[in-house]
């Protein structure tokens, strides 16, 4: 079996981390909303719906950007923005949720507005990573199906690890605030990995 090229291995690692952070962030989001809005079905419906909307927008944006600018630096930027947001997220998210709860928009609109304000922007950027990484990974149109399938499979495996790891261990070990910042740190490490990529698939590994 041929060894996995360094470029492809880095991309796989990046989408794995991105998938893990995305779902870990969603799990932690419930902990951010709970003190002010509780843990109702409206909270979870808002959280899941907003994350899915962000991912859908991100998928579209990532594919569109990949058609016009294929660069490791842009992939790094897509990861850096949510990474920095997660590092400072605890400092502004909890006061924002408390303020929205005080406005008393109701049990449905209140948590939905909080999710839109806090979680939609980073979810869009995180959603854009996998389709953009696919553009950087493709070498031959004849293997495009295998490439996109592998990337999304690895991203989904990362999401499974992020979901279970955050829910079962990370929150218990570190608490919500530190866990959020740790996830942001993982994204910054992924940004560094982006700098090791080569811009053109044909340039070698």
N, C-alpha and C. Protein backbone atom coordinates (compact mmCIF):
# COMPACT_ATOMS: atom_id res chain seq x y z
N UNK A 1 0.84 -1.20 0.00
CA UNK A 1 0.00 0.00 0.00
C UNK A 1 0.88 1.25 0.00
N UNK A 2 0.58 2.17 -0.92
CA UNK A 2 1.36 3.40 -0.98
C UNK A 2 1.08 4.25 0.25
N UNK A 3 2.12 4.91 0.79
CA UNK A 3 1.88 5.80 1.93
C UNK A 3 1.03 7.00 1.51
N UNK A 4 0.23 7.49 2.44
CA UNK A 4 -0.63 8.63 2.16
C UNK A 4 0.23 9.87 1.97
N UNK A 5 0.06 10.60 0.86
CA UNK A 5 0.84 11.82 0.66
C UNK A 5 0.64 12.80 1.80
N UNK A 6 1.69 13.54 2.12
CA UNK A 6 1.64 14.48 3.23
C UNK A 6 0.51 15.48 3.06
N UNK A 7 0.35 16.00 1.84
CA UNK A 7 -0.70 16.99 1.59
C UNK A 7 -2.07 16.43 1.93
N UNK A 8 -2.34 15.21 1.48
CA UNK A 8 -3.64 14.60 1.72
C UNK A 8 -3.82 14.27 3.19
N UNK A 9 -2.76 13.80 3.84
CA UNK A 9 -2.83 13.49 5.26
C UNK A 9 -3.16 14.74 6.07
N UNK A 10 -2.56 15.87 5.71
CA UNK A 10 -2.85 17.12 6.41
C UNK A 10 -4.30 17.54 6.20
N UNK A 11 -4.80 17.42 4.98
CA UNK A 11 -6.19 17.78 4.71
C UNK A 11 -7.15 16.88 5.48
N UNK A 12 -6.84 15.60 5.55
CA UNK A 12 -7.68 14.69 6.32
C UNK A 12 -7.67 15.09 7.79
N UNK A 13 -6.50 15.41 8.30
CA UNK A 13 -6.42 15.83 9.69
C UNK A 13 -7.19 17.12 9.95
N UNK A 14 -7.12 18.05 9.01
CA UNK A 14 -7.81 19.33 9.16
C UNK A 14 -9.32 19.13 9.19
N UNK A 15 -9.85 18.34 8.26
CA UNK A 15 -11.31 18.15 8.24
C UNK A 15 -11.78 17.32 9.43
N UNK A 16 -10.93 16.42 9.93
CA UNK A 16 -11.28 15.66 11.13
C UNK A 16 -11.42 16.60 12.32
N UNK A 17 -10.44 17.46 12.51
CA UNK A 17 -10.48 18.42 13.62
C UNK A 17 -11.66 19.37 13.45
N UNK A 18 -11.89 19.83 12.24
CA UNK A 18 -13.00 20.74 11.99
C UNK A 18 -14.35 20.09 12.33
N UNK A 19 -14.53 18.84 11.91
CA UNK A 19 -15.76 18.14 12.22
C UNK A 19 -15.94 17.93 13.72
N UNK A 20 -14.84 17.60 14.41
CA UNK A 20 -14.91 17.40 15.85
C UNK A 20 -15.26 18.69 16.57
N UNK A 21 -14.64 19.79 16.16
CA UNK A 21 -14.91 21.08 16.80
C UNK A 21 -16.34 21.52 16.54
N UNK A 22 -16.81 21.32 15.33
CA UNK A 22 -18.17 21.75 14.98
C UNK A 22 -19.21 21.12 15.90
N UNK A 23 -19.14 19.81 16.09
CA UNK A 23 -20.13 19.15 16.92
C UNK A 23 -19.88 19.37 18.40
N UNK A 24 -18.60 19.47 18.79
CA UNK A 24 -18.31 19.79 20.17
C UNK A 24 -18.83 21.17 20.54
N UNK A 25 -18.71 22.11 19.61
CA UNK A 25 -19.22 23.46 19.81
C UNK A 25 -20.74 23.45 19.97
N UNK A 26 -21.42 22.62 19.20
CA UNK A 26 -22.86 22.54 19.31
C UNK A 26 -23.29 21.99 20.68
N UNK A 27 -22.58 20.96 21.14
CA UNK A 27 -22.89 20.40 22.47
C UNK A 27 -22.66 21.46 23.55
N UNK A 28 -21.56 22.18 23.45
CA UNK A 28 -21.26 23.22 24.43
C UNK A 28 -22.25 24.37 24.34
N UNK A 29 -22.81 24.58 23.15
CA UNK A 29 -23.79 25.64 22.98
C UNK A 29 -24.98 25.47 23.88
N UNK A 30 -25.38 24.22 24.10
CA UNK A 30 -26.52 23.97 24.99
C UNK A 30 -26.21 24.40 26.41
N UNK A 31 -24.94 24.28 26.80
CA UNK A 31 -24.53 24.69 28.14
C UNK A 31 -24.50 26.22 28.28
N UNK A 32 -24.24 26.89 27.17
CA UNK A 32 -24.24 28.35 27.18
C UNK A 32 -25.67 28.87 27.32
N UNK A 33 -26.61 28.22 26.65
CA UNK A 33 -28.00 28.68 26.67
C UNK A 33 -28.75 28.27 27.94
N UNK A 34 -28.37 27.14 28.53
CA UNK A 34 -29.14 26.57 29.62
C UNK A 34 -29.35 27.49 30.82
N UNK A 35 -28.33 28.22 31.29
CA UNK A 35 -28.57 29.05 32.49
C UNK A 35 -29.67 30.09 32.31
N UNK A 36 -29.86 30.58 31.09
CA UNK A 36 -30.85 31.63 30.86
C UNK A 36 -32.13 31.12 30.22
N UNK A 37 -32.03 30.10 29.37
CA UNK A 37 -33.20 29.62 28.63
C UNK A 37 -33.62 28.20 29.00
N UNK A 38 -32.85 27.54 29.85
CA UNK A 38 -33.19 26.18 30.22
C UNK A 38 -32.71 25.18 29.19
N UNK A 39 -33.28 24.00 29.22
CA UNK A 39 -32.85 22.90 28.35
C UNK A 39 -34.05 22.32 27.61
N UNK A 40 -34.95 23.19 27.19
CA UNK A 40 -36.21 22.75 26.59
C UNK A 40 -36.02 22.30 25.15
N UNK A 41 -37.07 21.76 24.58
CA UNK A 41 -37.05 21.35 23.18
C UNK A 41 -36.88 22.55 22.26
N UNK A 42 -37.32 23.74 22.70
CA UNK A 42 -37.14 24.94 21.90
C UNK A 42 -35.67 25.34 21.83
N UNK A 43 -34.96 25.14 22.92
CA UNK A 43 -33.52 25.43 22.94
C UNK A 43 -32.79 24.50 21.99
N UNK A 44 -33.05 23.21 22.11
CA UNK A 44 -32.36 22.25 21.25
C UNK A 44 -32.78 22.39 19.79
N UNK A 45 -34.06 22.66 19.55
CA UNK A 45 -34.50 22.88 18.18
C UNK A 45 -33.82 24.09 17.56
N UNK A 46 -33.70 25.17 18.32
CA UNK A 46 -33.03 26.37 17.83
C UNK A 46 -31.56 26.10 17.55
N UNK A 47 -30.91 25.40 18.48
CA UNK A 47 -29.48 25.13 18.35
C UNK A 47 -29.20 24.26 17.12
N UNK A 48 -29.93 23.17 17.00
CA UNK A 48 -29.71 22.27 15.86
C UNK A 48 -30.06 22.96 14.54
N UNK A 49 -31.19 23.67 14.52
CA UNK A 49 -31.60 24.34 13.29
C UNK A 49 -30.62 25.39 12.84
N UNK A 50 -30.10 26.18 13.77
CA UNK A 50 -29.15 27.24 13.41
C UNK A 50 -27.83 26.64 12.94
N UNK A 51 -27.37 25.60 13.61
CA UNK A 51 -26.13 24.96 13.17
C UNK A 51 -26.30 24.36 11.77
N UNK A 52 -27.43 23.74 11.51
CA UNK A 52 -27.66 23.17 10.18
C UNK A 52 -27.73 24.27 9.12
N UNK A 53 -28.37 25.40 9.47
CA UNK A 53 -28.43 26.52 8.53
C UNK A 53 -27.03 27.06 8.26
N UNK A 54 -26.23 27.18 9.31
CA UNK A 54 -24.86 27.65 9.14
C UNK A 54 -24.03 26.71 8.29
N UNK A 55 -24.20 25.42 8.51
CA UNK A 55 -23.46 24.44 7.71
C UNK A 55 -23.88 24.50 6.24
N UNK A 56 -25.19 24.63 5.99
CA UNK A 56 -25.67 24.71 4.60
C UNK A 56 -25.09 25.92 3.90
N UNK A 57 -25.11 27.07 4.57
CA UNK A 57 -24.53 28.28 3.99
C UNK A 57 -23.03 28.10 3.79
N UNK A 58 -22.38 27.46 4.76
CA UNK A 58 -20.95 27.24 4.64
C UNK A 58 -20.59 26.30 3.51
N UNK A 59 -21.38 25.24 3.33
CA UNK A 59 -21.12 24.32 2.21
C UNK A 59 -21.16 25.08 0.88
N UNK A 60 -22.18 25.91 0.73
CA UNK A 60 -22.31 26.67 -0.51
C UNK A 60 -21.15 27.64 -0.67
N UNK A 61 -20.85 28.38 0.39
CA UNK A 61 -19.79 29.39 0.32
C UNK A 61 -18.43 28.74 0.08
N UNK A 62 -18.17 27.60 0.75
CA UNK A 62 -16.89 26.93 0.58
C UNK A 62 -16.69 26.43 -0.84
N UNK A 63 -17.74 25.86 -1.42
CA UNK A 63 -17.63 25.41 -2.81
C UNK A 63 -17.46 26.56 -3.77
N UNK A 64 -18.20 27.64 -3.53
CA UNK A 64 -18.11 28.82 -4.40
C UNK A 64 -16.71 29.44 -4.33
N UNK A 65 -16.17 29.59 -3.12
CA UNK A 65 -14.83 30.14 -2.97
C UNK A 65 -13.79 29.26 -3.63
N UNK A 66 -13.97 27.94 -3.52
CA UNK A 66 -13.02 27.02 -4.13
C UNK A 66 -12.94 27.15 -5.63
N UNK A 67 -14.05 27.55 -6.26
CA UNK A 67 -14.05 27.72 -7.71
C UNK A 67 -13.23 28.93 -8.16
N UNK A 68 -13.10 29.92 -7.27
CA UNK A 68 -12.45 31.17 -7.65
C UNK A 68 -11.08 31.38 -7.04
N UNK A 69 -10.82 30.75 -5.90
CA UNK A 69 -9.53 30.97 -5.25
C UNK A 69 -9.18 29.73 -4.45
N UNK A 70 -8.27 28.94 -4.98
CA UNK A 70 -7.84 27.72 -4.33
C UNK A 70 -6.51 27.98 -3.63
N UNK A 71 -6.54 28.20 -2.33
CA UNK A 71 -5.34 28.60 -1.61
C UNK A 71 -5.36 28.06 -0.19
N UNK A 72 -4.22 27.60 0.26
CA UNK A 72 -4.10 27.15 1.65
C UNK A 72 -4.34 28.30 2.61
N UNK A 73 -4.01 29.52 2.19
CA UNK A 73 -4.18 30.67 3.08
C UNK A 73 -5.66 30.96 3.34
N UNK A 74 -6.48 30.80 2.34
CA UNK A 74 -7.91 31.01 2.55
C UNK A 74 -8.49 29.90 3.42
N UNK A 75 -8.03 28.66 3.23
CA UNK A 75 -8.47 27.58 4.11
C UNK A 75 -8.08 27.90 5.55
N UNK A 76 -6.87 28.43 5.73
CA UNK A 76 -6.45 28.82 7.06
C UNK A 76 -7.33 29.91 7.65
N UNK A 77 -7.74 30.86 6.80
CA UNK A 77 -8.61 31.94 7.27
C UNK A 77 -9.98 31.40 7.67
N UNK A 78 -10.49 30.43 6.92
CA UNK A 78 -11.78 29.83 7.26
C UNK A 78 -11.74 29.14 8.62
N UNK A 79 -10.58 28.65 9.01
CA UNK A 79 -10.41 28.01 10.30
C UNK A 79 -10.06 29.02 11.40
N UNK A 80 -9.30 30.05 11.03
CA UNK A 80 -8.83 31.01 12.03
C UNK A 80 -9.96 31.82 12.62
N UNK A 81 -10.92 32.22 11.77
CA UNK A 81 -12.01 33.07 12.27
C UNK A 81 -12.80 32.37 13.38
N UNK A 82 -13.33 31.16 13.16
CA UNK A 82 -14.04 30.50 14.27
C UNK A 82 -13.11 30.12 15.41
N UNK A 83 -11.84 29.84 15.10
CA UNK A 83 -10.90 29.52 16.16
C UNK A 83 -10.74 30.67 17.14
N UNK A 84 -10.56 31.87 16.61
CA UNK A 84 -10.43 33.05 17.47
C UNK A 84 -11.74 33.35 18.19
N UNK A 85 -12.87 33.12 17.50
CA UNK A 85 -14.16 33.34 18.15
C UNK A 85 -14.33 32.42 19.35
N UNK A 86 -13.95 31.16 19.20
CA UNK A 86 -14.10 30.22 20.31
C UNK A 86 -13.19 30.57 21.48
N UNK A 87 -12.02 31.11 21.18
CA UNK A 87 -11.11 31.48 22.26
C UNK A 87 -11.68 32.58 23.15
N UNK A 88 -12.44 33.50 22.54
CA UNK A 88 -13.01 34.60 23.32
C UNK A 88 -14.50 34.42 23.58
N UNK A 89 -15.07 33.34 23.07
CA UNK A 89 -16.52 33.12 23.14
C UNK A 89 -17.09 33.23 24.57
N UNK A 90 -16.45 32.62 25.57
CA UNK A 90 -17.04 32.68 26.92
C UNK A 90 -17.16 34.10 27.46
N UNK A 91 -16.34 35.01 26.97
CA UNK A 91 -16.33 36.36 27.53
C UNK A 91 -17.52 37.20 27.06
N UNK A 92 -18.06 36.87 25.88
CA UNK A 92 -19.19 37.67 25.40
C UNK A 92 -20.48 36.87 25.26
N UNK A 93 -20.39 35.54 25.17
CA UNK A 93 -21.59 34.74 24.92
C UNK A 93 -22.54 34.74 26.11
N UNK A 94 -22.01 34.51 27.30
CA UNK A 94 -22.88 34.44 28.47
C UNK A 94 -23.58 35.77 28.75
N UNK A 95 -22.88 36.91 28.70
CA UNK A 95 -23.60 38.19 28.88
C UNK A 95 -24.65 38.44 27.80
N UNK A 96 -24.34 38.03 26.56
CA UNK A 96 -25.29 38.22 25.47
C UNK A 96 -26.56 37.40 25.70
N UNK A 97 -26.38 36.14 26.12
CA UNK A 97 -27.53 35.28 26.39
C UNK A 97 -28.36 35.83 27.54
N UNK A 98 -27.70 36.31 28.58
CA UNK A 98 -28.42 36.88 29.72
C UNK A 98 -29.24 38.11 29.29
N UNK A 99 -28.65 38.93 28.44
CA UNK A 99 -29.36 40.13 27.98
C UNK A 99 -30.58 39.76 27.14
N UNK A 100 -30.42 38.81 26.23
CA UNK A 100 -31.55 38.38 25.40
C UNK A 100 -32.64 37.73 26.24
N UNK A 101 -32.25 37.00 27.27
CA UNK A 101 -33.25 36.40 28.15
C UNK A 101 -34.01 37.49 28.90
N UNK A 102 -33.30 38.56 29.27
CA UNK A 102 -33.95 39.67 29.97
C UNK A 102 -34.93 40.42 29.10
N UNK A 103 -34.69 40.45 27.79
CA UNK A 103 -35.61 41.10 26.86
C UNK A 103 -36.94 40.35 26.81
N UNK A 104 -36.90 39.08 27.11
CA UNK A 104 -38.10 38.23 27.18
C UNK A 104 -38.86 38.20 25.85
N UNK A 105 -38.21 37.58 24.86
CA UNK A 105 -38.83 37.43 23.54
C UNK A 105 -39.72 36.20 23.46
N UNK A 106 -39.80 35.45 24.53
CA UNK A 106 -40.63 34.26 24.54
C UNK A 106 -39.78 32.99 24.51
N UNK A 107 -40.38 31.85 24.83
CA UNK A 107 -39.63 30.60 24.93
C UNK A 107 -39.12 30.07 23.59
N UNK A 108 -39.70 30.53 22.48
CA UNK A 108 -39.25 30.10 21.16
C UNK A 108 -38.27 31.10 20.54
N UNK A 109 -38.69 32.36 20.46
CA UNK A 109 -37.89 33.37 19.78
C UNK A 109 -36.63 33.72 20.56
N UNK A 110 -36.70 33.69 21.88
CA UNK A 110 -35.54 34.04 22.68
C UNK A 110 -34.33 33.17 22.39
N UNK A 111 -34.43 31.84 22.56
CA UNK A 111 -33.27 31.00 22.26
C UNK A 111 -32.90 30.99 20.78
N UNK A 112 -33.89 31.15 19.91
CA UNK A 112 -33.58 31.19 18.48
C UNK A 112 -32.73 32.41 18.15
N UNK A 113 -33.07 33.57 18.68
CA UNK A 113 -32.28 34.78 18.44
C UNK A 113 -30.88 34.63 19.01
N UNK A 114 -30.78 34.05 20.20
CA UNK A 114 -29.47 33.84 20.80
C UNK A 114 -28.60 32.95 19.92
N UNK A 115 -29.19 31.90 19.39
CA UNK A 115 -28.45 30.99 18.51
C UNK A 115 -28.02 31.67 17.22
N UNK A 116 -28.91 32.46 16.64
CA UNK A 116 -28.58 33.16 15.40
C UNK A 116 -27.42 34.12 15.61
N UNK A 117 -27.45 34.85 16.71
CA UNK A 117 -26.41 35.85 16.97
C UNK A 117 -25.08 35.20 17.30
N UNK A 118 -25.10 34.15 18.11
CA UNK A 118 -23.86 33.58 18.64
C UNK A 118 -23.28 32.45 17.81
N UNK A 119 -24.14 31.62 17.24
CA UNK A 119 -23.64 30.38 16.64
C UNK A 119 -23.66 30.36 15.11
N UNK A 120 -24.49 31.18 14.50
CA UNK A 120 -24.56 31.13 13.04
C UNK A 120 -23.25 31.53 12.36
N UNK A 121 -22.61 32.66 12.73
CA UNK A 121 -21.37 33.05 12.03
C UNK A 121 -20.27 31.99 12.10
N UNK A 122 -19.91 31.47 13.29
CA UNK A 122 -18.86 30.44 13.29
C UNK A 122 -19.28 29.15 12.58
N UNK A 123 -20.58 28.81 12.63
CA UNK A 123 -21.04 27.60 11.95
C UNK A 123 -20.89 27.72 10.43
N UNK A 124 -21.09 28.92 9.90
CA UNK A 124 -20.90 29.14 8.46
C UNK A 124 -19.44 28.88 8.08
N UNK A 125 -18.52 29.43 8.84
CA UNK A 125 -17.10 29.24 8.53
C UNK A 125 -16.69 27.77 8.67
N UNK A 126 -17.14 27.12 9.74
CA UNK A 126 -16.81 25.72 9.93
C UNK A 126 -17.42 24.84 8.83
N UNK A 127 -18.62 25.20 8.39
CA UNK A 127 -19.25 24.45 7.32
C UNK A 127 -18.53 24.59 5.99
N UNK A 128 -17.85 25.72 5.79
CA UNK A 128 -17.16 25.98 4.52
C UNK A 128 -15.87 25.18 4.38
N UNK A 129 -15.35 24.66 5.48
CA UNK A 129 -14.02 24.03 5.45
C UNK A 129 -14.00 22.77 4.60
N UNK A 130 -14.95 21.85 4.79
CA UNK A 130 -14.89 20.57 4.07
C UNK A 130 -15.00 20.72 2.56
N UNK A 131 -15.96 21.48 2.01
CA UNK A 131 -15.99 21.63 0.56
C UNK A 131 -14.76 22.36 0.02
N UNK A 132 -14.24 23.30 0.79
CA UNK A 132 -13.05 24.00 0.31
C UNK A 132 -11.83 23.07 0.35
N UNK A 133 -11.74 22.23 1.39
CA UNK A 133 -10.66 21.26 1.47
C UNK A 133 -10.73 20.26 0.31
N UNK A 134 -11.95 19.92 -0.12
CA UNK A 134 -12.10 19.02 -1.27
C UNK A 134 -11.47 19.63 -2.52
N UNK A 135 -11.69 20.93 -2.72
CA UNK A 135 -11.09 21.60 -3.88
C UNK A 135 -9.57 21.49 -3.82
N UNK A 136 -9.00 21.64 -2.64
CA UNK A 136 -7.55 21.56 -2.51
C UNK A 136 -7.04 20.13 -2.65
N UNK A 137 -7.89 19.14 -2.38
CA UNK A 137 -7.44 17.75 -2.39
C UNK A 137 -7.52 17.11 -3.76
N UNK A 138 -8.36 17.61 -4.64
CA UNK A 138 -8.63 16.93 -5.89
C UNK A 138 -7.41 16.96 -6.82
N UNK A 139 -7.06 15.82 -7.36
CA UNK A 139 -5.95 15.72 -8.29
C UNK A 139 -6.44 15.34 -9.70
N UNK A 140 -7.47 14.56 -9.74
CA UNK A 140 -7.94 14.01 -11.01
C UNK A 140 -9.45 13.90 -10.94
N UNK A 141 -10.14 14.43 -11.93
CA UNK A 141 -11.60 14.38 -11.92
C UNK A 141 -12.12 12.96 -11.88
N UNK A 142 -11.33 12.01 -12.36
CA UNK A 142 -11.77 10.62 -12.36
C UNK A 142 -11.84 10.05 -10.94
N UNK A 143 -11.12 10.67 -10.00
CA UNK A 143 -11.16 10.21 -8.62
C UNK A 143 -11.87 11.20 -7.70
N UNK A 144 -12.62 12.15 -8.30
CA UNK A 144 -13.28 13.18 -7.50
C UNK A 144 -14.29 12.59 -6.52
N UNK A 145 -15.02 11.58 -6.96
CA UNK A 145 -16.02 10.96 -6.10
C UNK A 145 -15.38 10.35 -4.86
N UNK A 146 -14.28 9.62 -5.06
CA UNK A 146 -13.58 9.02 -3.92
C UNK A 146 -13.02 10.09 -3.00
N UNK A 147 -12.51 11.18 -3.58
CA UNK A 147 -11.92 12.24 -2.77
C UNK A 147 -12.95 12.90 -1.88
N UNK A 148 -14.09 13.29 -2.46
CA UNK A 148 -15.10 13.97 -1.65
C UNK A 148 -15.71 13.01 -0.63
N UNK A 149 -15.88 11.74 -1.03
CA UNK A 149 -16.43 10.76 -0.10
C UNK A 149 -15.51 10.55 1.10
N UNK A 150 -14.20 10.46 0.84
CA UNK A 150 -13.25 10.25 1.93
C UNK A 150 -13.21 11.44 2.87
N UNK A 151 -13.21 12.65 2.30
CA UNK A 151 -13.14 13.85 3.14
C UNK A 151 -14.37 13.98 4.02
N UNK A 152 -15.54 13.77 3.45
CA UNK A 152 -16.76 13.91 4.25
C UNK A 152 -16.90 12.77 5.25
N UNK A 153 -16.40 11.59 4.92
CA UNK A 153 -16.42 10.48 5.89
C UNK A 153 -15.52 10.80 7.07
N UNK A 154 -14.33 11.32 6.80
CA UNK A 154 -13.40 11.66 7.88
C UNK A 154 -13.94 12.81 8.71
N UNK A 155 -14.56 13.78 8.06
CA UNK A 155 -15.19 14.88 8.80
C UNK A 155 -16.29 14.37 9.71
N UNK A 156 -17.09 13.42 9.22
CA UNK A 156 -18.17 12.86 10.02
C UNK A 156 -17.63 12.05 11.19
N UNK A 157 -16.57 11.28 10.97
CA UNK A 157 -15.94 10.56 12.07
C UNK A 157 -15.44 11.55 13.12
N UNK A 158 -14.85 12.66 12.67
CA UNK A 158 -14.44 13.70 13.60
C UNK A 158 -15.62 14.24 14.39
N UNK A 159 -16.76 14.41 13.71
CA UNK A 159 -17.96 14.90 14.39
C UNK A 159 -18.42 13.93 15.47
N UNK A 160 -18.32 12.64 15.19
CA UNK A 160 -18.69 11.63 16.19
C UNK A 160 -17.78 11.74 17.41
N UNK A 161 -16.48 11.83 17.16
CA UNK A 161 -15.54 11.97 18.27
C UNK A 161 -15.80 13.26 19.04
N UNK A 162 -16.07 14.35 18.32
CA UNK A 162 -16.33 15.62 18.98
C UNK A 162 -17.58 15.58 19.83
N UNK A 163 -18.62 14.94 19.32
CA UNK A 163 -19.88 14.85 20.07
C UNK A 163 -19.71 14.04 21.34
N UNK A 164 -19.20 12.82 21.20
CA UNK A 164 -19.07 11.93 22.36
C UNK A 164 -17.98 12.42 23.32
N UNK A 165 -16.87 12.88 22.75
CA UNK A 165 -15.78 13.34 23.60
C UNK A 165 -16.16 14.55 24.43
N UNK A 166 -16.88 15.49 23.81
CA UNK A 166 -17.30 16.68 24.55
C UNK A 166 -18.36 16.35 25.59
N UNK A 167 -19.37 15.58 25.18
CA UNK A 167 -20.48 15.27 26.09
C UNK A 167 -20.06 14.35 27.23
N UNK A 168 -19.22 13.35 26.94
CA UNK A 168 -18.88 12.33 27.94
C UNK A 168 -17.70 12.72 28.83
N UNK A 169 -16.76 13.51 28.27
CA UNK A 169 -15.52 13.73 29.00
C UNK A 169 -15.14 15.20 29.17
N UNK A 170 -15.11 15.93 28.05
CA UNK A 170 -14.51 17.26 28.08
C UNK A 170 -15.23 18.20 29.06
N UNK A 171 -16.55 18.23 29.01
CA UNK A 171 -17.30 19.11 29.91
C UNK A 171 -17.06 18.74 31.36
N UNK A 172 -17.00 17.44 31.65
CA UNK A 172 -16.79 16.99 33.02
C UNK A 172 -15.39 17.33 33.51
N UNK A 173 -14.42 17.23 32.62
CA UNK A 173 -13.03 17.49 33.02
C UNK A 173 -12.70 18.97 33.11
N UNK A 174 -13.22 19.76 32.18
CA UNK A 174 -12.74 21.14 32.05
C UNK A 174 -13.82 22.20 32.25
N UNK A 175 -15.08 21.82 32.18
CA UNK A 175 -16.14 22.81 32.25
C UNK A 175 -16.40 23.43 30.88
N UNK A 176 -17.45 24.22 30.79
CA UNK A 176 -17.87 24.76 29.50
C UNK A 176 -16.89 25.78 28.94
N UNK A 177 -16.48 26.73 29.75
CA UNK A 177 -15.65 27.83 29.25
C UNK A 177 -14.29 27.33 28.75
N UNK A 178 -13.62 26.54 29.56
CA UNK A 178 -12.30 26.03 29.15
C UNK A 178 -12.41 25.07 27.98
N UNK A 179 -13.48 24.29 27.93
CA UNK A 179 -13.67 23.38 26.79
C UNK A 179 -13.83 24.16 25.50
N UNK A 180 -14.58 25.26 25.56
CA UNK A 180 -14.77 26.10 24.39
C UNK A 180 -13.43 26.63 23.89
N UNK A 181 -12.60 27.09 24.81
CA UNK A 181 -11.30 27.64 24.42
C UNK A 181 -10.36 26.56 23.91
N UNK A 182 -10.48 25.35 24.46
CA UNK A 182 -9.67 24.24 23.96
C UNK A 182 -10.03 23.93 22.51
N UNK A 183 -11.31 23.93 22.19
CA UNK A 183 -11.74 23.70 20.80
C UNK A 183 -11.20 24.79 19.89
N UNK A 184 -11.21 26.03 20.37
CA UNK A 184 -10.62 27.11 19.59
C UNK A 184 -9.14 26.90 19.35
N UNK A 185 -8.45 26.38 20.37
CA UNK A 185 -7.03 26.07 20.21
C UNK A 185 -6.78 24.99 19.18
N UNK A 186 -7.65 23.98 19.13
CA UNK A 186 -7.52 22.94 18.10
C UNK A 186 -7.62 23.54 16.70
N UNK A 187 -8.52 24.50 16.51
CA UNK A 187 -8.66 25.13 15.20
C UNK A 187 -7.41 25.94 14.85
N UNK A 188 -6.80 26.58 15.83
CA UNK A 188 -5.58 27.33 15.56
C UNK A 188 -4.45 26.38 15.14
N UNK A 189 -4.40 25.20 15.76
CA UNK A 189 -3.42 24.19 15.34
C UNK A 189 -3.69 23.77 13.90
N UNK A 190 -4.98 23.64 13.54
CA UNK A 190 -5.33 23.30 12.16
C UNK A 190 -4.91 24.40 11.19
N UNK A 191 -4.95 25.65 11.64
CA UNK A 191 -4.48 26.76 10.80
C UNK A 191 -2.99 26.58 10.50
N UNK A 192 -2.22 26.20 11.51
CA UNK A 192 -0.79 25.96 11.31
C UNK A 192 -0.58 24.83 10.30
N UNK A 193 -1.42 23.78 10.37
CA UNK A 193 -1.32 22.69 9.41
C UNK A 193 -1.58 23.18 7.99
N UNK A 194 -2.48 24.16 7.85
CA UNK A 194 -2.76 24.72 6.53
C UNK A 194 -1.52 25.33 5.90
N UNK A 195 -0.67 25.92 6.72
CA UNK A 195 0.53 26.58 6.20
C UNK A 195 1.53 25.57 5.64
N UNK A 196 1.38 24.30 6.02
CA UNK A 196 2.27 23.26 5.50
C UNK A 196 1.79 22.69 4.17
N UNK A 197 0.58 23.06 3.75
CA UNK A 197 0.06 22.57 2.49
C UNK A 197 0.70 23.30 1.32
N UNK A 198 0.68 22.66 0.17
CA UNK A 198 1.08 23.32 -1.06
C UNK A 198 -0.17 23.75 -1.81
N UNK A 199 -0.09 24.86 -2.49
CA UNK A 199 -1.27 25.43 -3.12
C UNK A 199 -1.78 24.62 -4.30
N UNK A 200 -0.91 23.93 -4.97
CA UNK A 200 -1.31 23.25 -6.21
C UNK A 200 -1.11 21.75 -6.05
N UNK A 201 -2.18 20.96 -6.23
CA UNK A 201 -2.07 19.51 -6.08
C UNK A 201 -0.96 18.90 -6.93
N UNK A 202 -0.67 19.47 -8.06
CA UNK A 202 0.34 18.92 -8.94
C UNK A 202 1.74 19.30 -8.57
N UNK A 203 1.92 20.09 -7.49
CA UNK A 203 3.24 20.60 -7.16
C UNK A 203 4.08 19.61 -6.37
N UNK A 204 3.50 18.45 -6.04
CA UNK A 204 4.23 17.46 -5.27
C UNK A 204 3.74 17.39 -3.85
N UNK A 205 4.26 16.45 -3.09
CA UNK A 205 3.81 16.21 -1.73
C UNK A 205 4.91 16.50 -0.73
